[in-house]
Amino acid sequence: MANQTSVQSDDGVHCAFFYGTLMIPDVFYSVCYGGKDVPEAIKNLHKFQPAILHGYCRRRVRYADYPGMIADKDHSVFGAFVTGLTRANIERLDFFEGGQYERRNVTVNLLDKVGDLKGEGNVEGEEKKAMTYVFLAHGDLEESEWDLEEFRSEKLRHWTRAGYIFDQCDPDDPAKVAEV
């Protein structure tokens, strides 16, 4: 019998830090799996945990429902640390984010306790490596913070409708990938 070798797959081992629409599992599932209603087995592949990223700030993108995040040593961004991403998930996320963003590797802190909207009362825990999407067009950002609860109440139902997620995406302009 011939000796067979196999290549170890890295599917399901990638982690990400999401700080906007993708913090909401239904939006994540719509992007990565084509709809918010996924089987329980798919939901069990991914774990969403509150986390914080220091050295960045999140702002509203002008004329958009979603935020952009840029480096800023004086700020921190609350978000979700999500595990279990596959290469296929990352390809869809790159396409979804588009050329306005660059995928970068960062270190986040998981939150053992989530404080108020200003982060007061947060209790930081374990550090984790993750990828995230950093906004490149700084001039398109407003001065105001993006509001997750406003998005949930006013925009979420549109973002989880079948086919909506990719309506405005340019297939020839995925997110850039930072040099390591």
C-alpha atoms as a PDB file:
ATOM      1  CA  MET A   1       0.000   0.000   0.000  1.00  0.00           C
ATOM      2  CA  ALA A   2       1.384   3.393  -0.970  1.00  0.00           C
ATOM      3  CA  ASN A   3       2.292   5.826   1.760  1.00  0.00           C
ATOM      4  CA  GLN A   4      -0.175   8.702   1.645  1.00  0.00           C
ATOM      5  CA  THR A   5       0.591  12.081   3.092  1.00  0.00           C
ATOM      6  CA  SER A   6      -1.970  14.686   3.941  1.00  0.00           C
ATOM      7  CA  VAL A   7      -1.710  18.406   4.288  1.00  0.00           C
ATOM      8  CA  GLN A   8      -2.970  19.755   7.597  1.00  0.00           C
ATOM      9  CA  SER A   9      -5.853  22.124   6.952  1.00  0.00           C
ATOM     10  CA  ASP A  10      -5.970  25.441   8.775  1.00  0.00           C
ATOM     11  CA  ASP A  11      -9.704  25.793   8.208  1.00  0.00           C
ATOM     12  CA  GLY A  12     -11.553  26.845  11.311  1.00  0.00           C
ATOM     13  CA  VAL A  13      -8.530  28.126  13.193  1.00  0.00           C
ATOM     14  CA  HIS A  14      -8.571  31.807  12.233  1.00  0.00           C
ATOM     15  CA  CYS A  15      -9.775  34.514  14.626  1.00  0.00           C
ATOM     16  CA  ALA A  16     -11.005  38.033  13.973  1.00  0.00           C
ATOM     17  CA  PHE A  17     -11.817  41.209  15.834  1.00  0.00           C
ATOM     18  CA  PHE A  18     -14.990  42.846  14.517  1.00  0.00           C
ATOM     19  CA  TYR A  19     -15.987  46.327  15.663  1.00  0.00           C
ATOM     20  CA  GLY A  20     -19.016  47.179  13.534  1.00  0.00           C
ATOM     21  CA  THR A  21     -21.824  45.397  11.737  1.00  0.00           C
ATOM     22  CA  LEU A  22     -20.001  42.039  11.885  1.00  0.00           C
ATOM     23  CA  MET A  23     -20.166  42.070  15.707  1.00  0.00           C
ATOM     24  CA  ILE A  24     -23.768  40.945  15.240  1.00  0.00           C
ATOM     25  CA  PRO A  25     -23.850  37.200  14.542  1.00  0.00           C
ATOM     26  CA  ASP A  26     -26.759  37.505  12.052  1.00  0.00           C
ATOM     27  CA  VAL A  27     -24.716  39.916   9.894  1.00  0.00           C
ATOM     28  CA  PHE A  28     -21.632  37.679  10.159  1.00  0.00           C
ATOM     29  CA  TYR A  29     -23.674  34.635   9.077  1.00  0.00           C
ATOM     30  CA  SER A  30     -25.234  36.619   6.210  1.00  0.00           C
ATOM     31  CA  VAL A  31     -21.767  37.564   4.942  1.00  0.00           C
ATOM     32  CA  CYS A  32     -20.045  34.215   5.469  1.00  0.00           C
ATOM     33  CA  TYR A  33     -22.906  31.781   4.805  1.00  0.00           C
ATOM     34  CA  GLY A  34     -25.416  33.660   2.636  1.00  0.00           C
ATOM     35  CA  GLY A  35     -28.129  34.148   5.256  1.00  0.00           C
ATOM     36  CA  LYS A  36     -28.775  34.801   8.925  1.00  0.00           C
ATOM     37  CA  ASP A  37     -30.593  31.503   9.441  1.00  0.00           C
ATOM     38  CA  VAL A  38     -27.785  28.964   9.576  1.00  0.00           C
ATOM     39  CA  PRO A  39     -27.888  25.460  11.066  1.00  0.00           C
ATOM     40  CA  GLU A  40     -26.928  25.076  14.708  1.00  0.00           C
ATOM     41  CA  ALA A  41     -23.819  23.151  13.589  1.00  0.00           C
ATOM     42  CA  ILE A  42     -22.562  26.289  11.777  1.00  0.00           C
ATOM     43  CA  LYS A  43     -23.347  28.505  14.769  1.00  0.00           C
ATOM     44  CA  ASN A  44     -21.364  26.138  16.990  1.00  0.00           C
ATOM     45  CA  LEU A  45     -18.243  26.622  14.826  1.00  0.00           C
ATOM     46  CA  HIS A  46     -17.956  30.267  15.891  1.00  0.00           C
ATOM     47  CA  LYS A  47     -17.654  31.819  19.316  1.00  0.00           C
ATOM     48  CA  PHE A  48     -18.322  35.555  19.830  1.00  0.00           C
ATOM     49  CA  GLN A  49     -16.635  37.117  22.875  1.00  0.00           C
ATOM     50  CA  PRO A  50     -16.464  40.777  23.941  1.00  0.00           C
ATOM     51  CA  ALA A  51     -13.003  42.264  23.447  1.00  0.00           C
ATOM     52  CA  ILE A  52     -11.146  45.551  23.295  1.00  0.00           C
ATOM     53  CA  LEU A  53      -8.456  46.772  20.910  1.00  0.00           C
ATOM     54  CA  HIS A  54      -6.172  49.507  22.216  1.00  0.00           C
ATOM     55  CA  GLY A  55      -4.541  52.094  19.970  1.00  0.00           C
ATOM     56  CA  TYR A  56      -7.442  52.526  17.534  1.00  0.00           C
ATOM     57  CA  CYS A  57     -10.647  54.551  17.266  1.00  0.00           C
ATOM     58  CA  ARG A  58     -13.945  53.764  15.522  1.00  0.00           C
ATOM     59  CA  ARG A  59     -15.808  56.427  13.543  1.00  0.00           C
ATOM     60  CA  ARG A  60     -18.893  56.655  11.358  1.00  0.00           C
ATOM     61  CA  VAL A  61     -18.194  56.382   7.641  1.00  0.00           C
ATOM     62  CA  ARG A  62     -19.811  59.316   5.857  1.00  0.00           C
ATOM     63  CA  TYR A  63     -23.025  58.325   4.026  1.00  0.00           C
ATOM     64  CA  ALA A  64     -22.799  54.703   5.236  1.00  0.00           C
ATOM     65  CA  ASP A  65     -24.387  52.445   7.849  1.00  0.00           C
ATOM     66  CA  TYR A  66     -21.048  50.967   8.934  1.00  0.00           C
ATOM     67  CA  PRO A  67     -17.969  52.262  10.767  1.00  0.00           C
ATOM     68  CA  GLY A  68     -14.301  52.540   9.965  1.00  0.00           C
ATOM     69  CA  MET A  69     -11.486  52.020  12.429  1.00  0.00           C
ATOM     70  CA  ILE A  70      -8.132  53.813  12.272  1.00  0.00           C
ATOM     71  CA  ALA A  71      -4.994  53.810  14.399  1.00  0.00           C
ATOM     72  CA  ASP A  72      -5.122  56.293  17.286  1.00  0.00           C
ATOM     73  CA  LYS A  73      -2.864  55.720  20.281  1.00  0.00           C
ATOM     74  CA  ASP A  74      -5.210  57.612  22.618  1.00  0.00           C
ATOM     75  CA  HIS A  75      -8.305  55.475  22.030  1.00  0.00           C
ATOM     76  CA  SER A  76      -9.628  51.929  22.309  1.00  0.00           C
ATOM     77  CA  VAL A  77     -12.355  50.119  20.396  1.00  0.00           C
ATOM     78  CA  PHE A  78     -14.927  47.728  21.861  1.00  0.00           C
ATOM     79  CA  GLY A  79     -15.791  44.789  19.634  1.00  0.00           C
ATOM     80  CA  ALA A  80     -16.179  41.048  19.299  1.00  0.00           C
ATOM     81  CA  PHE A  81     -13.421  38.444  19.143  1.00  0.00           C
ATOM     82  CA  VAL A  82     -14.732  35.713  16.857  1.00  0.00           C
ATOM     83  CA  THR A  83     -13.177  32.258  16.537  1.00  0.00           C
ATOM     84  CA  GLY A  84     -13.526  29.401  14.069  1.00  0.00           C
ATOM     85  CA  LEU A  85     -13.087  31.305  10.809  1.00  0.00           C
ATOM     86  CA  THR A  86     -12.102  29.344   7.724  1.00  0.00           C
ATOM     87  CA  ARG A  87     -10.167  30.478   4.662  1.00  0.00           C
ATOM     88  CA  ALA A  88     -13.498  30.593   2.801  1.00  0.00           C
ATOM     89  CA  ASN A  89     -14.946  32.883   5.514  1.00  0.00           C
ATOM     90  CA  ILE A  90     -11.935  35.195   5.181  1.00  0.00           C
ATOM     91  CA  GLU A  91     -12.301  35.363   1.393  1.00  0.00           C
ATOM     92  CA  ARG A  92     -15.954  36.388   1.765  1.00  0.00           C
ATOM     93  CA  LEU A  93     -15.041  38.921   4.466  1.00  0.00           C
ATOM     94  CA  ASP A  94     -12.327  40.449   2.232  1.00  0.00           C
ATOM     95  CA  PHE A  95     -14.873  40.776  -0.565  1.00  0.00           C
ATOM     96  CA  PHE A  96     -17.482  42.237   1.797  1.00  0.00           C
ATOM     97  CA  GLU A  97     -15.091  44.797   3.316  1.00  0.00           C
ATOM     98  CA  GLY A  98     -13.729  45.849  -0.062  1.00  0.00           C
ATOM     99  CA  GLY A  99     -10.905  48.165  -1.016  1.00  0.00           C
ATOM    100  CA  GLN A 100     -11.755  50.752   1.660  1.00  0.00           C
ATOM    101  CA  TYR A 101     -10.200  48.392   4.204  1.00  0.00           C
ATOM    102  CA  GLU A 102      -6.952  46.572   4.881  1.00  0.00           C
ATOM    103  CA  ARG A 103      -6.887  43.284   6.783  1.00  0.00           C
ATOM    104  CA  ARG A 104      -4.260  43.459   9.532  1.00  0.00           C
ATOM    105  CA  ASN A 105      -3.096  41.323  12.427  1.00  0.00           C
ATOM    106  CA  VAL A 106      -3.644  42.823  15.883  1.00  0.00           C
ATOM    107  CA  THR A 107      -3.627  41.813  19.543  1.00  0.00           C
ATOM    108  CA  VAL A 108      -6.871  42.258  21.474  1.00  0.00           C
ATOM    109  CA  ASN A 109      -7.815  41.755  25.094  1.00  0.00           C
ATOM    110  CA  LEU A 110     -10.845  39.625  25.876  1.00  0.00           C
ATOM    111  CA  LEU A 111     -13.201  41.252  28.352  1.00  0.00           C
ATOM    112  CA  ASP A 112     -13.993  39.232  31.448  1.00  0.00           C
ATOM    113  CA  LYS A 113     -16.548  41.924  32.351  1.00  0.00           C
ATOM    114  CA  VAL A 114     -18.097  44.518  30.035  1.00  0.00           C
ATOM    115  CA  GLY A 115     -18.499  47.994  31.502  1.00  0.00           C
ATOM    116  CA  ASP A 116     -20.575  50.925  30.306  1.00  0.00           C
ATOM    117  CA  LEU A 117     -20.583  52.563  26.859  1.00  0.00           C
ATOM    118  CA  LYS A 118     -17.434  54.519  27.720  1.00  0.00           C
ATOM    119  CA  GLY A 119     -15.625  51.359  28.825  1.00  0.00           C
ATOM    120  CA  GLU A 120     -15.722  52.242  32.498  1.00  0.00           C
ATOM    121  CA  GLY A 121     -15.961  49.029  34.471  1.00  0.00           C
ATOM    122  CA  ASN A 122     -14.364  46.853  31.787  1.00  0.00           C
ATOM    123  CA  VAL A 123     -12.252  44.048  33.218  1.00  0.00           C
ATOM    124  CA  GLU A 124      -9.665  42.932  30.706  1.00  0.00           C
ATOM    125  CA  GLY A 125      -8.520  39.348  30.493  1.00  0.00           C
ATOM    126  CA  GLU A 126      -6.449  37.226  28.159  1.00  0.00           C
ATOM    127  CA  GLU A 127      -4.635  38.683  25.134  1.00  0.00           C
ATOM    128  CA  LYS A 128      -5.447  37.093  21.768  1.00  0.00           C
ATOM    129  CA  LYS A 129      -4.080  37.480  18.241  1.00  0.00           C
ATOM    130  CA  ALA A 130      -6.697  38.274  15.604  1.00  0.00           C
ATOM    131  CA  MET A 131      -7.155  39.788  12.187  1.00  0.00           C
ATOM    132  CA  THR A 132      -9.195  42.956  11.771  1.00  0.00           C
ATOM    133  CA  TYR A 133     -10.121  45.407   9.034  1.00  0.00           C
ATOM    134  CA  VAL A 134      -8.640  48.915   9.252  1.00  0.00           C
ATOM    135  CA  PHE A 135     -10.228  51.745   7.257  1.00  0.00           C
ATOM    136  CA  LEU A 136      -7.958  53.347   4.659  1.00  0.00           C
ATOM    137  CA  ALA A 137      -9.928  56.417   3.482  1.00  0.00           C
ATOM    138  CA  HIS A 138      -9.513  58.596   6.587  1.00  0.00           C
ATOM    139  CA  GLY A 139     -11.153  61.563   4.841  1.00  0.00           C
ATOM    140  CA  ASP A 140     -14.416  59.607   4.589  1.00  0.00           C
ATOM    141  CA  LEU A 141     -14.743  59.332   8.370  1.00  0.00           C
ATOM    142  CA  GLU A 142     -16.923  61.596  10.471  1.00  0.00           C
ATOM    143  CA  GLU A 143     -15.777  62.877  13.848  1.00  0.00           C
ATOM    144  CA  SER A 144     -18.557  61.024  15.666  1.00  0.00           C
ATOM    145  CA  GLU A 145     -18.441  57.500  17.057  1.00  0.00           C
ATOM    146  CA  TRP A 146     -20.436  54.804  15.256  1.00  0.00           C
ATOM    147  CA  ASP A 147     -23.402  53.635  17.355  1.00  0.00           C
ATOM    148  CA  LEU A 148     -24.060  49.872  17.525  1.00  0.00           C
ATOM    149  CA  GLU A 149     -27.474  50.233  19.177  1.00  0.00           C
ATOM    150  CA  GLU A 150     -28.622  52.747  16.563  1.00  0.00           C
ATOM    151  CA  PHE A 151     -27.540  50.296  13.856  1.00  0.00           C
ATOM    152  CA  ARG A 152     -29.432  47.443  15.553  1.00  0.00           C
ATOM    153  CA  SER A 153     -32.660  49.407  15.845  1.00  0.00           C
ATOM    154  CA  GLU A 154     -32.626  51.250  12.509  1.00  0.00           C
ATOM    155  CA  LYS A 155     -30.567  49.266   9.975  1.00  0.00           C
ATOM    156  CA  LEU A 156     -30.095  45.628  11.017  1.00  0.00           C
ATOM    157  CA  ARG A 157     -33.221  44.260   9.344  1.00  0.00           C
ATOM    158  CA  HIS A 158     -31.927  45.512   5.955  1.00  0.00           C
ATOM    159  CA  TRP A 159     -28.457  44.048   6.470  1.00  0.00           C
ATOM    160  CA  THR A 160     -29.727  40.523   7.133  1.00  0.00           C
ATOM    161  CA  ARG A 161     -32.114  40.374   4.182  1.00  0.00           C
ATOM    162  CA  ALA A 162     -31.169  37.727   1.612  1.00  0.00           C
ATOM    163  CA  GLY A 163     -28.839  39.135  -1.048  1.00  0.00           C
ATOM    164  CA  TYR A 164     -28.513  42.612   0.495  1.00  0.00           C
ATOM    165  CA  ILE A 165     -25.048  42.193   1.992  1.00  0.00           C
ATOM    166  CA  PHE A 166     -23.208  42.005  -1.326  1.00  0.00           C
ATOM    167  CA  ASP A 167     -25.363  44.346  -3.443  1.00  0.00           C
ATOM    168  CA  GLN A 168     -22.834  47.190  -3.313  1.00  0.00           C
ATOM    169  CA  CYS A 169     -19.636  45.096  -3.270  1.00  0.00           C
ATOM    170  CA  ASP A 170     -17.131  45.363  -6.121  1.00  0.00           C
ATOM    171  CA  PRO A 171     -15.834  41.880  -7.015  1.00  0.00           C
ATOM    172  CA  ASP A 172     -12.617  43.427  -8.353  1.00  0.00           C
ATOM    173  CA  ASP A 173     -11.861  45.415  -5.179  1.00  0.00           C
ATOM    174  CA  PRO A 174     -11.514  43.173  -2.097  1.00  0.00           C
ATOM    175  CA  ALA A 175      -9.853  44.325   1.129  1.00  0.00           C
ATOM    176  CA  LYS A 176      -6.119  44.752   0.938  1.00  0.00           C
ATOM    177  CA  VAL A 177      -3.920  42.541   3.097  1.00  0.00           C
ATOM    178  CA  ALA A 178      -1.240  44.168   5.241  1.00  0.00           C
ATOM    179  CA  GLU A 179       2.352  43.100   4.801  1.00  0.00           C
ATOM    180  CA  VAL A 180       3.456  41.077   7.805  1.00  0.00           C
END
